[in-house]
Amino acid sequence: MRPLLPRSAKFACLGFQSRQWRLSTRLCSSLSTPSTADGEDPGDVFLDHRQIGAQQELYMINPLTPGSVFLLPHGTRIYNRLLAFMRAQLKVFGFEEVVSPIIYRRSLWETSGHWEKYKEDMFEVGGRNEETKEEYGLKPMNCPGHCLIYGVAERSYRDLPIRYADFSPLHRNEASGALTGLTRVRRFHQDDGHIFCRPDQVQAEIKASLKLVDNVYKVFKIPSYRLLLSTRPEQYIGAVEEWDKAESDLRVALEESGQDWQINDGDGAFYGPKIDILIKDSNGKEHQAATIQLDFQLPQRFELAYRGEDDTLDHRPVMVHRAVFGSVERFMAVIIEQLQGKWPLWLSPRQAVILPIADRHVEYARKVQEEVSGVPGGDKAHLLDFNTSTFYVDVDERSSTLGLRLREAIKKGYNYIGVVGDKEMSDGTVALRQRTGNPTVMKIEDVRQKFIDAAAQYE
């Protein structure tokens, strides 16, 4: 893998090379706090997400597939935690998850309007059937596929709202010069959602979507975000009257939210106006993250209907598009920089490492790993209950000195470092410390409970 930073600079930018770590000659329970010879705090050196991504081995990009990210094992851990977190929130807000195809015939994109209004930003795929010479397109959005799911059965007014969530990959043909790390890519994932509702339910669904966004951003300690009402663009589908109604509905929801908002004239999607939610990275640059879009057009184009109280199928649902993270990859980039690689325990790809002082402590270190992680190993391995709280706990049993392994554990960003020696092995304890500070001697079961409590509070 080609590093994103020169190897010589990979760690120097954090100031680790100037650190002098002091270890006492006593047992691990007396490990001292690391100090800095020149007084430099690594936190004073700002790193962008590409540097941290290389340093912590989170992701890579290869020129053979420009704009497509390879999430490495530790980056995939973060990605999976983000999705697990979002799945839990979506249950509260009544969403059902679906998995939809990534490739569709051209006729679907013609029906949706994408072939006319969005074709330049799509990847076309040719079939091998020489007789039909069918054209296909990789999906840039999930909405047409969700319309197909809605339309597979007859719906009643009592069934609405119906809320679908989808995390499958999307492809958009971004200009090569615009591709940047995780913030601008060609293949990405959204925490995508589509709500099919009655006209009288629109306001409640928009308000609930705004509430979901606010709840999530508070967990990630995003200090502020900006709300924009993006109105009808030059290229659009549908009648002006329908656009006016949709924009009016969004205005009402924004006014009743109690938050400040602004008009972003002419920047709506081609099928409907939207509320765009912008967050800032650590450099102050704004990125679009969440979005809430109101759409009268796709339900018409796909001839979607529901049976009303009058027992006729002459009723058209309204479609609400919404995402909270937006692009999961872009959201990762923002929080990587915000946290500077110092992950809260619940989101961390390296939650703990156990360092045995000598070879005779290795077996005990593995026991600590098994009990704290919640993942059985060796002869005890079996099908793991998927509801079990598990943690990423490693054992560094290399023959290197304890001081070297401790320095490397700090450099790699482990939340907790446990050291075990003769006394810990005898007492059934671990000398546990965070990235900085002195260790605390704890029982193994207390360490696990500490992790469970911290993860539950998103700490």
Protein backbone atom coordinates (compact mmCIF):
# COMPACT_ATOMS: atom_id res chain seq x y z
CA MET A 1 0.00 0.00 0.00
CA ARG A 2 1.33 3.40 -0.89
CA PRO A 3 1.22 5.63 2.22
CA LEU A 4 -0.56 8.95 2.04
CA LEU A 5 2.40 10.52 3.83
CA PRO A 6 6.11 9.83 3.23
CA ARG A 7 7.25 7.19 5.67
CA SER A 8 9.76 9.57 7.18
CA ALA A 9 6.99 12.03 8.01
CA LYS A 10 4.33 9.56 8.97
CA PHE A 11 4.73 9.91 12.70
CA ALA A 12 7.07 12.87 12.98
CA CYS A 13 4.18 15.30 12.51
CA LEU A 14 2.70 14.21 15.82
CA GLY A 15 5.81 15.10 17.72
CA PHE A 16 6.27 11.56 19.02
CA GLN A 17 9.92 11.48 18.02
CA SER A 18 10.74 14.14 20.59
CA ARG A 19 8.94 12.39 23.45
CA GLN A 20 10.92 10.80 26.25
CA TRP A 21 8.91 8.23 28.14
CA ARG A 22 9.85 7.31 31.69
CA LEU A 23 9.12 3.92 33.15
CA SER A 24 9.90 3.03 36.71
CA THR A 25 11.86 -0.13 37.44
CA ARG A 26 9.03 -1.36 39.65
CA LEU A 27 6.18 -3.61 38.59
CA CYS A 28 3.52 -2.48 36.13
CA SER A 29 1.19 -1.12 38.80
CA SER A 30 3.72 1.68 39.35
CA LEU A 31 4.05 2.82 35.71
CA SER A 32 4.64 6.55 35.57
CA THR A 33 2.87 9.13 33.43
CA PRO A 34 4.65 9.92 30.15
CA SER A 35 6.24 13.34 29.96
CA THR A 36 7.40 15.50 27.07
CA ALA A 37 10.99 16.65 27.01
CA ASP A 38 10.32 19.85 25.06
CA GLY A 39 6.87 20.59 26.45
CA GLU A 40 5.18 19.99 23.09
CA ASP A 41 1.63 18.64 23.14
CA PRO A 42 0.88 16.39 20.16
CA GLY A 43 -2.64 17.78 20.22
CA ASP A 44 -1.22 21.20 19.18
CA VAL A 45 -0.33 19.79 15.75
CA PHE A 46 -3.42 19.67 13.54
CA LEU A 47 -3.65 16.72 11.16
CA ASP A 48 -6.20 16.36 8.41
CA HIS A 49 -8.15 13.12 7.98
CA ARG A 50 -5.79 11.85 5.27
CA GLN A 51 -2.79 12.04 7.59
CA ILE A 52 -4.65 10.39 10.47
CA GLY A 53 -6.07 7.82 8.08
CA ALA A 54 -2.55 6.83 7.07
CA GLN A 55 -1.18 6.93 10.60
CA GLN A 56 -3.94 4.77 12.06
CA GLU A 57 -4.26 2.62 8.91
CA LEU A 58 -7.96 3.39 8.46
CA TYR A 59 -8.28 3.51 4.68
CA MET A 60 -6.43 3.59 1.37
CA ILE A 61 -7.10 4.78 -2.17
CA ASN A 62 -5.58 3.13 -5.23
CA PRO A 63 -5.24 4.81 -8.66
CA LEU A 64 -6.68 1.68 -10.27
CA THR A 65 -10.08 2.71 -8.88
CA PRO A 66 -10.01 6.51 -8.48
CA GLY A 67 -12.49 7.94 -6.04
CA SER A 68 -13.26 4.58 -4.45
CA VAL A 69 -12.13 4.01 -0.89
CA PHE A 70 -10.72 0.80 0.54
CA LEU A 71 -11.66 0.77 4.21
CA LEU A 72 -8.95 -1.17 6.03
CA PRO A 73 -9.79 -3.33 9.06
CA HIS A 74 -9.60 -0.51 11.61
CA GLY A 75 -11.45 1.94 9.35
CA THR A 76 -14.11 -0.70 8.78
CA ARG A 77 -14.56 -0.97 12.54
CA ILE A 78 -15.42 2.74 12.69
CA TYR A 79 -17.70 2.45 9.66
CA ASN A 80 -19.56 -0.50 11.16
CA ARG A 81 -19.99 1.26 14.50
CA LEU A 82 -21.43 4.31 12.75
CA LEU A 83 -23.92 2.14 10.88
CA ALA A 84 -24.82 0.16 14.01
CA PHE A 85 -25.43 3.44 15.84
CA MET A 86 -27.61 4.77 13.03
CA ARG A 87 -29.57 1.52 12.75
CA ALA A 88 -30.43 1.81 16.43
CA GLN A 89 -31.70 5.37 15.97
CA LEU A 90 -33.77 4.45 12.91
CA LYS A 91 -35.65 1.83 14.90
CA VAL A 92 -36.82 4.58 17.24
CA PHE A 93 -38.03 6.67 14.29
CA GLY A 94 -39.90 3.80 12.63
CA PHE A 95 -37.65 2.89 9.70
CA GLU A 96 -37.39 -0.57 8.14
CA GLU A 97 -34.09 -1.41 6.47
CA VAL A 98 -34.03 -2.69 2.89
CA VAL A 99 -31.20 -3.72 0.56
CA SER A 100 -31.61 -2.66 -3.07
CA PRO A 101 -29.63 -3.36 -6.29
CA ILE A 102 -26.86 -1.06 -7.48
CA ILE A 103 -27.51 -1.44 -11.22
CA TYR A 104 -30.74 -0.80 -13.16
CA ARG A 105 -31.81 -0.68 -16.78
CA ARG A 106 -31.83 2.67 -18.53
CA SER A 107 -35.63 2.61 -18.62
CA LEU A 108 -35.79 3.02 -14.82
CA TRP A 109 -33.59 6.11 -14.97
CA GLU A 110 -35.71 7.50 -17.80
CA THR A 111 -38.83 7.04 -15.69
CA SER A 112 -37.25 8.75 -12.68
CA GLY A 113 -35.85 11.62 -14.75
CA HIS A 114 -32.22 10.89 -13.90
CA TRP A 115 -31.33 10.01 -17.51
CA GLU A 116 -32.51 13.44 -18.62
CA LYS A 117 -31.35 15.61 -15.71
CA TYR A 118 -28.53 13.69 -14.00
CA LYS A 119 -26.92 11.53 -16.69
CA GLU A 120 -23.58 13.38 -16.69
CA ASP A 121 -23.08 12.45 -13.05
CA MET A 122 -23.89 8.76 -13.56
CA PHE A 123 -21.80 5.78 -14.60
CA GLU A 124 -23.24 3.99 -17.61
CA VAL A 125 -22.77 0.23 -17.86
CA GLY A 126 -23.18 -1.75 -21.07
CA GLY A 127 -24.62 -5.23 -21.18
CA ARG A 128 -23.10 -8.12 -23.14
CA ASN A 129 -26.31 -9.04 -24.95
CA GLU A 130 -25.54 -8.07 -28.57
CA GLU A 131 -29.16 -8.48 -29.68
CA THR A 132 -30.70 -6.02 -27.26
CA LYS A 133 -27.59 -3.94 -26.51
CA GLU A 134 -29.16 -2.94 -23.23
CA GLU A 135 -27.84 0.06 -21.35
CA TYR A 136 -27.63 0.14 -17.58
CA GLY A 137 -26.70 2.73 -15.00
CA LEU A 138 -25.05 2.39 -11.59
CA LYS A 139 -27.32 4.03 -9.06
CA PRO A 140 -26.33 7.47 -7.78
CA MET A 141 -29.37 7.45 -5.46
CA ASN A 142 -31.67 4.89 -3.84
CA CYS A 143 -34.98 6.68 -4.42
CA PRO A 144 -36.08 5.00 -7.69
CA GLY A 145 -35.41 1.56 -6.22
CA HIS A 146 -37.44 2.40 -3.14
CA CYS A 147 -40.29 3.50 -5.39
CA LEU A 148 -40.22 0.01 -6.91
CA ILE A 149 -40.41 -1.52 -3.43
CA TYR A 150 -43.35 0.68 -2.46
CA GLY A 151 -45.17 -0.17 -5.69
CA VAL A 152 -44.89 -3.95 -5.32
CA ALA A 153 -48.09 -4.12 -3.23
CA GLU A 154 -51.32 -2.21 -2.80
CA ARG A 155 -51.10 0.30 0.05
CA SER A 156 -53.81 1.72 2.28
CA TYR A 157 -53.94 5.13 3.93
CA ARG A 158 -53.67 3.19 7.20
CA ASP A 159 -50.28 1.79 6.10
CA LEU A 160 -48.70 5.23 5.79
CA PRO A 161 -46.19 6.48 6.58
CA ILE A 162 -43.90 3.76 5.25
CA ARG A 163 -40.22 4.45 5.97
CA TYR A 164 -37.36 2.64 4.21
CA ALA A 165 -33.66 2.86 5.15
CA ASP A 166 -30.83 1.72 2.88
CA PHE A 167 -27.04 1.65 3.34
CA SER A 168 -26.04 0.14 -0.02
CA PRO A 169 -23.23 1.78 -2.05
CA LEU A 170 -23.85 4.63 -4.48
CA HIS A 171 -21.76 5.79 -7.45
CA ARG A 172 -21.50 9.33 -8.80
CA ASN A 173 -19.15 10.40 -11.56
CA GLU A 174 -17.36 13.22 -9.77
CA ALA A 175 -14.71 15.12 -11.71
CA SER A 176 -11.28 13.62 -11.11
CA GLY A 177 -9.85 16.98 -10.04
CA ALA A 178 -12.45 17.25 -7.26
CA LEU A 179 -11.63 13.92 -5.61
CA THR A 180 -10.24 14.46 -2.10
CA GLY A 181 -9.64 11.83 0.58
CA LEU A 182 -12.94 10.76 2.11
CA THR A 183 -14.73 14.07 1.54
CA ARG A 184 -15.21 13.80 -2.24
CA VAL A 185 -15.36 10.31 -3.70
CA ARG A 186 -17.10 8.44 -6.51
CA ARG A 187 -18.25 5.40 -4.56
CA PHE A 188 -19.79 6.05 -1.17
CA HIS A 189 -22.51 5.01 1.25
CA GLN A 190 -25.40 7.01 2.64
CA ASP A 191 -27.55 6.41 5.67
CA ASP A 192 -30.31 6.86 3.15
CA GLY A 193 -34.00 6.92 3.94
CA HIS A 194 -37.27 7.48 2.10
CA ILE A 195 -40.64 8.12 3.67
CA PHE A 196 -43.89 7.59 1.77
CA CYS A 197 -46.66 9.49 3.54
CA ARG A 198 -50.02 11.17 3.13
CA PRO A 199 -50.08 14.93 2.48
CA ASP A 200 -51.42 15.53 6.00
CA GLN A 201 -48.40 13.68 7.45
CA VAL A 202 -45.69 15.71 5.69
CA GLN A 203 -45.11 18.27 8.43
CA ALA A 204 -44.79 15.64 11.15
CA GLU A 205 -42.28 13.64 9.09
CA ILE A 206 -40.11 16.68 8.35
CA LYS A 207 -40.10 17.67 12.02
CA ALA A 208 -39.19 14.13 13.06
CA SER A 209 -36.33 14.12 10.54
CA LEU A 210 -35.00 17.41 11.93
CA LYS A 211 -35.24 15.96 15.44
CA LEU A 212 -33.29 12.86 14.37
CA VAL A 213 -30.54 15.02 12.91
CA ASP A 214 -30.28 17.10 16.09
CA ASN A 215 -30.21 14.01 18.33
CA VAL A 216 -27.41 12.41 16.33
CA TYR A 217 -25.26 15.52 16.02
CA LYS A 218 -25.40 16.07 19.77
CA VAL A 219 -23.94 12.59 20.33
CA PHE A 220 -21.03 13.46 18.05
CA LYS A 221 -20.62 16.84 19.79
CA ILE A 222 -20.93 18.73 16.53
CA PRO A 223 -20.87 22.30 17.91
CA SER A 224 -23.19 23.85 15.34
CA TYR A 225 -24.70 23.31 11.95
CA ARG A 226 -26.39 25.48 9.36
CA LEU A 227 -29.83 24.93 7.80
CA LEU A 228 -30.43 25.95 4.19
CA LEU A 229 -33.67 25.80 2.23
CA SER A 230 -32.55 24.91 -1.29
CA THR A 231 -35.21 25.94 -3.80
CA ARG A 232 -36.17 25.07 -7.38
CA PRO A 233 -33.14 24.82 -9.72
CA GLU A 234 -33.07 25.77 -13.41
CA GLN A 235 -33.27 22.13 -14.42
CA TYR A 236 -36.29 20.53 -12.76
CA ILE A 237 -39.17 18.17 -13.37
CA GLY A 238 -42.82 18.72 -12.49
CA ALA A 239 -45.14 21.70 -12.27
CA VAL A 240 -44.22 25.03 -10.66
CA GLU A 241 -47.33 24.83 -8.48
CA GLU A 242 -46.13 21.53 -6.98
CA TRP A 243 -42.71 23.06 -6.30
CA ASP A 244 -44.31 26.04 -4.60
CA LYS A 245 -46.33 23.73 -2.35
CA ALA A 246 -43.25 21.65 -1.46
CA GLU A 247 -41.16 24.73 -0.69
CA SER A 248 -43.97 26.10 1.47
CA ASP A 249 -44.12 22.86 3.47
CA LEU A 250 -40.38 23.00 4.12
CA ARG A 251 -40.55 26.68 5.12
CA VAL A 252 -43.23 25.94 7.69
CA ALA A 253 -41.19 23.09 9.17
CA LEU A 254 -38.07 25.26 9.38
CA GLU A 255 -39.94 28.15 11.00
CA GLU A 256 -41.48 25.84 13.59
CA SER A 257 -38.10 24.22 14.33
CA GLY A 258 -37.00 27.34 16.19
CA GLN A 259 -33.59 27.24 14.49
CA ASP A 260 -32.00 29.82 12.22
CA TRP A 261 -32.11 29.04 8.52
CA GLN A 262 -31.32 30.66 5.20
CA ILE A 263 -32.46 30.45 1.59
CA ASN A 264 -30.11 28.71 -0.85
CA ASP A 265 -31.81 29.85 -4.03
CA GLY A 266 -31.85 27.48 -7.01
CA ASP A 267 -29.88 24.63 -5.38
CA GLY A 268 -32.68 22.09 -4.91
CA ALA A 269 -32.61 18.60 -6.40
CA PHE A 270 -34.14 18.32 -9.85
CA TYR A 271 -37.12 16.46 -8.38
CA GLY A 272 -37.83 18.65 -5.34
CA PRO A 273 -36.70 21.33 -2.84
CA LYS A 274 -34.66 20.33 0.19
CA ILE A 275 -33.30 21.32 3.56
CA ASP A 276 -29.51 21.01 3.41
CA ILE A 277 -27.63 20.79 6.69
CA LEU A 278 -24.01 21.94 6.65
CA ILE A 279 -21.41 21.10 9.26
CA LYS A 280 -17.89 22.46 9.61
CA ASP A 281 -14.67 20.50 9.75
CA SER A 282 -11.85 21.53 12.08
CA ASN A 283 -10.51 23.98 9.48
CA GLY A 284 -13.84 25.76 9.31
CA LYS A 285 -14.71 24.39 5.87
CA GLU A 286 -18.38 23.50 5.47
CA HIS A 287 -19.59 20.14 4.19
CA GLN A 288 -23.11 19.11 3.36
CA ALA A 289 -24.08 16.26 5.64
CA ALA A 290 -27.75 15.75 6.41
CA THR A 291 -30.50 16.51 3.93
CA ILE A 292 -34.31 16.43 3.99
CA GLN A 293 -36.01 16.61 0.61
CA LEU A 294 -39.67 16.83 -0.32
CA ASP A 295 -40.72 15.13 -3.56
CA PHE A 296 -44.07 15.13 -5.36
CA GLN A 297 -42.49 14.09 -8.68
CA LEU A 298 -41.19 10.53 -8.29
CA PRO A 299 -44.49 9.20 -6.86
CA GLN A 300 -46.18 10.55 -10.00
CA ARG A 301 -43.58 9.21 -12.40
CA PHE A 302 -43.75 5.74 -10.84
CA GLU A 303 -47.56 5.95 -10.56
CA LEU A 304 -47.50 5.23 -6.83
CA ALA A 305 -50.82 5.23 -5.04
CA TYR A 306 -52.64 4.28 -1.86
CA ARG A 307 -56.23 3.42 -1.11
CA GLY A 308 -57.86 6.31 0.71
CA GLU A 309 -60.69 6.52 3.16
CA ASP A 310 -63.02 6.79 0.15
CA ASP A 311 -61.88 3.27 -0.86
CA THR A 312 -60.35 4.46 -4.14
CA LEU A 313 -56.74 4.22 -5.37
CA ASP A 314 -56.80 7.80 -6.61
CA HIS A 315 -54.45 9.03 -3.86
CA ARG A 316 -50.78 9.82 -4.43
CA PRO A 317 -48.23 9.56 -1.58
CA VAL A 318 -45.68 12.27 -0.92
CA MET A 319 -42.04 11.15 -0.80
CA VAL A 320 -39.59 12.53 1.77
CA HIS A 321 -35.89 11.83 1.15
CA ARG A 322 -33.63 12.11 4.18
CA ALA A 323 -30.09 11.33 5.30
CA VAL A 324 -28.40 12.22 8.60
CA PHE A 325 -24.72 11.39 8.11
CA GLY A 326 -25.15 12.04 4.41
CA SER A 327 -22.11 10.40 2.88
CA VAL A 328 -20.81 8.10 5.63
CA GLU A 329 -17.29 8.51 4.25
CA ARG A 330 -17.50 12.31 4.39
CA PHE A 331 -18.94 12.21 7.89
CA MET A 332 -16.03 9.97 8.93
CA ALA A 333 -13.58 12.55 7.57
CA VAL A 334 -15.19 15.33 9.61
CA ILE A 335 -15.15 13.41 12.88
CA ILE A 336 -11.63 12.05 12.27
CA GLU A 337 -10.40 15.65 12.12
CA GLN A 338 -12.64 16.81 14.94
CA LEU A 339 -11.34 14.08 17.25
CA GLN A 340 -7.78 14.15 15.84
CA GLY A 341 -7.73 10.35 16.03
CA LYS A 342 -8.56 10.32 19.76
CA TRP A 343 -11.66 8.19 19.52
CA PRO A 344 -14.27 7.82 22.26
CA LEU A 345 -14.33 4.24 23.47
CA TRP A 346 -17.63 3.31 21.79
CA LEU A 347 -16.36 4.35 18.35
CA SER A 348 -12.69 3.48 18.69
CA PRO A 349 -11.09 0.91 16.36
CA ARG A 350 -8.44 0.20 19.02
CA GLN A 351 -10.20 0.10 22.34
CA ALA A 352 -7.62 -1.67 24.51
CA VAL A 353 -4.36 -3.55 24.41
CA ILE A 354 -2.93 -5.83 27.09
CA LEU A 355 0.84 -5.83 27.59
CA PRO A 356 2.34 -8.84 29.42
CA ILE A 357 5.60 -7.92 31.15
CA ALA A 358 7.27 -11.25 30.45
CA ASP A 359 6.56 -14.47 28.55
CA ARG A 360 5.17 -16.14 31.66
CA HIS A 361 2.38 -13.53 31.71
CA VAL A 362 1.20 -14.09 28.13
CA GLU A 363 -1.39 -16.75 28.95
CA TYR A 364 -2.90 -14.54 31.64
CA ALA A 365 -2.92 -11.57 29.22
CA ARG A 366 -4.96 -13.67 26.77
CA LYS A 367 -7.40 -14.53 29.54
CA VAL A 368 -7.82 -10.82 30.26
CA GLN A 369 -8.34 -10.19 26.55
CA GLU A 370 -11.05 -12.86 26.33
CA GLU A 371 -12.97 -11.73 29.40
CA VAL A 372 -12.80 -8.00 28.71
CA SER A 373 -13.56 -8.28 24.98
CA GLY A 374 -16.49 -10.63 25.48
CA VAL A 375 -15.24 -12.73 22.55
CA PRO A 376 -14.45 -16.33 23.55
CA GLY A 377 -11.29 -17.82 22.12
CA GLY A 378 -9.46 -21.11 21.87
CA ASP A 379 -11.43 -24.19 22.87
CA LYS A 380 -14.26 -21.97 24.13
CA ALA A 381 -14.97 -20.52 20.71
CA HIS A 382 -18.59 -20.90 19.63
CA LEU A 383 -21.34 -19.02 17.82
CA LEU A 384 -21.36 -15.59 19.47
CA ASP A 385 -24.65 -14.09 20.60
CA PHE A 386 -25.01 -11.03 18.35
CA ASN A 387 -26.54 -9.06 21.22
CA THR A 388 -23.40 -9.46 23.33
CA SER A 389 -21.37 -6.31 24.04
CA THR A 390 -17.95 -6.92 22.55
CA PHE A 391 -14.81 -4.81 22.46
CA TYR A 392 -11.64 -4.70 20.38
CA VAL A 393 -8.92 -5.87 22.75
CA ASP A 394 -5.45 -6.86 21.53
CA VAL A 395 -2.51 -8.53 23.23
CA ASP A 396 0.99 -7.29 22.39
CA GLU A 397 3.15 -10.24 23.38
CA ARG A 398 6.23 -9.29 21.39
CA SER A 399 9.60 -9.67 23.04
CA SER A 400 10.23 -5.91 22.79
CA THR A 401 10.71 -3.97 26.00
CA LEU A 402 7.64 -2.91 27.92
CA GLY A 403 8.56 0.74 27.39
CA LEU A 404 8.68 0.35 23.61
CA ARG A 405 5.35 -1.48 23.49
CA LEU A 406 3.78 1.15 25.72
CA ARG A 407 4.99 3.98 23.47
CA GLU A 408 3.69 2.22 20.40
CA ALA A 409 0.30 1.58 22.01
CA ILE A 410 -0.03 5.29 22.76
CA LYS A 411 1.06 6.17 19.24
CA LYS A 412 -1.52 3.83 17.72
CA GLY A 413 -4.25 5.52 19.72
CA TYR A 414 -5.48 2.77 22.06
CA ASN A 415 -8.03 4.12 24.52
CA TYR A 416 -6.82 1.87 27.32
CA ILE A 417 -3.56 0.08 27.95
CA GLY A 418 -3.50 -2.76 30.45
CA VAL A 419 -0.26 -4.14 31.85
CA VAL A 420 -0.06 -7.49 33.63
CA GLY A 421 2.77 -8.99 35.63
CA ASP A 422 3.25 -11.37 38.57
CA LYS A 423 1.14 -9.35 41.00
CA GLU A 424 -1.74 -8.86 38.58
CA MET A 425 -1.69 -12.53 37.63
CA SER A 426 -1.80 -13.53 41.30
CA ASP A 427 -4.61 -11.10 42.18
CA GLY A 428 -6.75 -11.45 39.02
CA THR A 429 -6.28 -7.78 38.19
CA VAL A 430 -5.07 -5.45 35.43
CA ALA A 431 -3.07 -2.25 35.76
CA LEU A 432 -5.20 -0.13 33.46
CA ARG A 433 -4.36 3.30 32.17
CA GLN A 434 -5.66 5.63 29.49
CA ARG A 435 -3.52 7.38 26.88
CA THR A 436 -2.20 9.66 29.63
CA GLY A 437 -2.23 9.45 33.39
CA ASN A 438 -1.27 6.85 35.94
CA PRO A 439 -2.64 3.30 35.96
CA THR A 440 -5.40 2.01 38.20
CA VAL A 441 -5.36 -1.59 39.37
CA MET A 442 -8.74 -3.19 38.66
CA LYS A 443 -10.37 -6.59 38.68
CA ILE A 444 -10.94 -8.03 35.20
CA GLU A 445 -14.74 -7.97 35.57
CA ASP A 446 -14.57 -4.34 36.68
CA VAL A 447 -12.62 -3.42 33.56
CA ARG A 448 -15.29 -4.99 31.35
CA GLN A 449 -18.06 -3.20 33.21
CA LYS A 450 -16.17 0.08 32.89
CA PHE A 451 -16.07 -0.40 29.12
CA ILE A 452 -19.77 -1.29 28.95
CA ASP A 453 -20.72 1.80 30.97
CA ALA A 454 -18.50 4.11 28.90
CA ALA A 455 -19.83 2.77 25.59
CA ALA A 456 -23.42 3.17 26.77
CA GLN A 457 -22.77 6.86 27.44
CA TYR A 458 -20.93 7.35 24.11
CA GLU A 459 -17.77 8.23 26.02
